[in-house]
Amino acid sequence: MSKTFEVIERVGISTESIAEAVKEVVLEANAEKKVGWFEVIEQRGRVTSEGKVEFQIKVRIGRKLKD
């Protein structure tokens, strides 16, 4: 059994919450290849030109290379 992982970083964006941004980006990555673990490495946000708050997160994702 391989103990080797690949590590990728992705950015998630949501106007609902930080948690929703994390959930969406992790589930999208998992649909491509099973996610073994993840960690939030950055959190930030902005106010859009329409006056909405936008949450932005950067997530580091680890996935096994072989089962």
C-alpha atoms as a PDB file:
ATOM      1  CA  MET A   1       0.000   0.000   0.000  1.00  0.00           C
ATOM      2  CA  SER A   2       1.378   3.361  -1.022  1.00  0.00           C
ATOM      3  CA  LYS A   3       2.020   5.976   1.635  1.00  0.00           C
ATOM      4  CA  THR A   4       2.618   8.662  -0.991  1.00  0.00           C
ATOM      5  CA  PHE A   5       0.286  11.634  -1.305  1.00  0.00           C
ATOM      6  CA  GLU A   6      -0.022  14.444  -3.799  1.00  0.00           C
ATOM      7  CA  VAL A   7      -0.702  17.880  -2.345  1.00  0.00           C
ATOM      8  CA  ILE A   8      -2.667  20.511  -4.229  1.00  0.00           C
ATOM      9  CA  GLU A   9      -3.956  23.957  -3.322  1.00  0.00           C
ATOM     10  CA  ARG A  10      -7.299  25.398  -4.353  1.00  0.00           C
ATOM     11  CA  VAL A  11      -9.204  28.583  -3.646  1.00  0.00           C
ATOM     12  CA  GLY A  12     -12.879  28.481  -2.719  1.00  0.00           C
ATOM     13  CA  ILE A  13     -15.235  31.454  -2.865  1.00  0.00           C
ATOM     14  CA  SER A  14     -18.702  31.872  -1.370  1.00  0.00           C
ATOM     15  CA  THR A  15     -21.057  34.729  -0.582  1.00  0.00           C
ATOM     16  CA  GLU A  16     -22.645  32.574   2.147  1.00  0.00           C
ATOM     17  CA  SER A  17     -19.810  31.677   4.551  1.00  0.00           C
ATOM     18  CA  ILE A  18     -16.237  30.513   4.988  1.00  0.00           C
ATOM     19  CA  ALA A  19     -17.556  27.028   5.775  1.00  0.00           C
ATOM     20  CA  GLU A  20     -19.505  26.934   2.509  1.00  0.00           C
ATOM     21  CA  ALA A  21     -16.410  27.995   0.547  1.00  0.00           C
ATOM     22  CA  VAL A  22     -14.397  25.177   2.166  1.00  0.00           C
ATOM     23  CA  LYS A  23     -17.128  22.599   1.619  1.00  0.00           C
ATOM     24  CA  GLU A  24     -17.550  23.427  -2.070  1.00  0.00           C
ATOM     25  CA  VAL A  25     -13.848  23.351  -2.942  1.00  0.00           C
ATOM     26  CA  VAL A  26     -13.227  20.091  -1.025  1.00  0.00           C
ATOM     27  CA  LEU A  27     -16.253  18.314  -2.529  1.00  0.00           C
ATOM     28  CA  GLU A  28     -15.220  19.424  -6.025  1.00  0.00           C
ATOM     29  CA  ALA A  29     -11.710  18.035  -5.506  1.00  0.00           C
ATOM     30  CA  ASN A  30     -13.145  14.822  -4.043  1.00  0.00           C
ATOM     31  CA  ALA A  31     -15.321  14.325  -7.140  1.00  0.00           C
ATOM     32  CA  GLU A  32     -12.132  14.264  -9.234  1.00  0.00           C
ATOM     33  CA  LYS A  33     -10.127  12.005  -6.899  1.00  0.00           C
ATOM     34  CA  LYS A  34     -10.709  10.916  -3.302  1.00  0.00           C
ATOM     35  CA  VAL A  35      -9.496  13.475  -0.769  1.00  0.00           C
ATOM     36  CA  GLY A  36      -7.463  12.031   2.108  1.00  0.00           C
ATOM     37  CA  TRP A  37      -7.196  15.238   4.144  1.00  0.00           C
ATOM     38  CA  PHE A  38      -7.409  18.998   3.854  1.00  0.00           C
ATOM     39  CA  GLU A  39      -6.413  22.112   5.761  1.00  0.00           C
ATOM     40  CA  VAL A  40      -7.440  25.739   5.430  1.00  0.00           C
ATOM     41  CA  ILE A  41      -4.245  27.739   4.991  1.00  0.00           C
ATOM     42  CA  GLU A  42      -5.637  31.220   4.252  1.00  0.00           C
ATOM     43  CA  GLN A  43      -8.867  33.087   4.903  1.00  0.00           C
ATOM     44  CA  ARG A  44      -9.782  36.439   3.452  1.00  0.00           C
ATOM     45  CA  GLY A  45     -12.728  38.292   2.014  1.00  0.00           C
ATOM     46  CA  ARG A  46     -13.904  41.355   0.215  1.00  0.00           C
ATOM     47  CA  VAL A  47     -16.960  43.478  -0.334  1.00  0.00           C
ATOM     48  CA  THR A  48     -18.160  43.220  -3.933  1.00  0.00           C
ATOM     49  CA  SER A  49     -19.242  46.197  -6.029  1.00  0.00           C
ATOM     50  CA  GLU A  50     -22.831  45.101  -5.301  1.00  0.00           C
ATOM     51  CA  GLY A  51     -22.182  45.439  -1.561  1.00  0.00           C
ATOM     52  CA  LYS A  52     -22.098  41.700  -0.801  1.00  0.00           C
ATOM     53  CA  VAL A  53     -19.495  40.077   1.426  1.00  0.00           C
ATOM     54  CA  GLU A  54     -17.444  37.443  -0.412  1.00  0.00           C
ATOM     55  CA  PHE A  55     -15.512  34.863   1.611  1.00  0.00           C
ATOM     56  CA  GLN A  56     -12.324  33.466   0.062  1.00  0.00           C
ATOM     57  CA  ILE A  57     -10.279  30.562   1.406  1.00  0.00           C
ATOM     58  CA  LYS A  58      -7.186  28.708   0.273  1.00  0.00           C
ATOM     59  CA  VAL A  59      -7.207  24.988   1.036  1.00  0.00           C
ATOM     60  CA  ARG A  60      -4.335  22.500   0.888  1.00  0.00           C
ATOM     61  CA  ILE A  61      -5.622  19.045  -0.121  1.00  0.00           C
ATOM     62  CA  GLY A  62      -3.819  15.721   0.207  1.00  0.00           C
ATOM     63  CA  ARG A  63      -4.750  12.734  -1.953  1.00  0.00           C
ATOM     64  CA  LYS A  64      -3.199   9.255  -2.095  1.00  0.00           C
ATOM     65  CA  LEU A  65      -1.423   8.528  -5.324  1.00  0.00           C
ATOM     66  CA  LYS A  66      -2.224   4.782  -5.143  1.00  0.00           C
ATOM     67  CA  ASP A  67      -4.567   2.642  -3.054  1.00  0.00           C
END
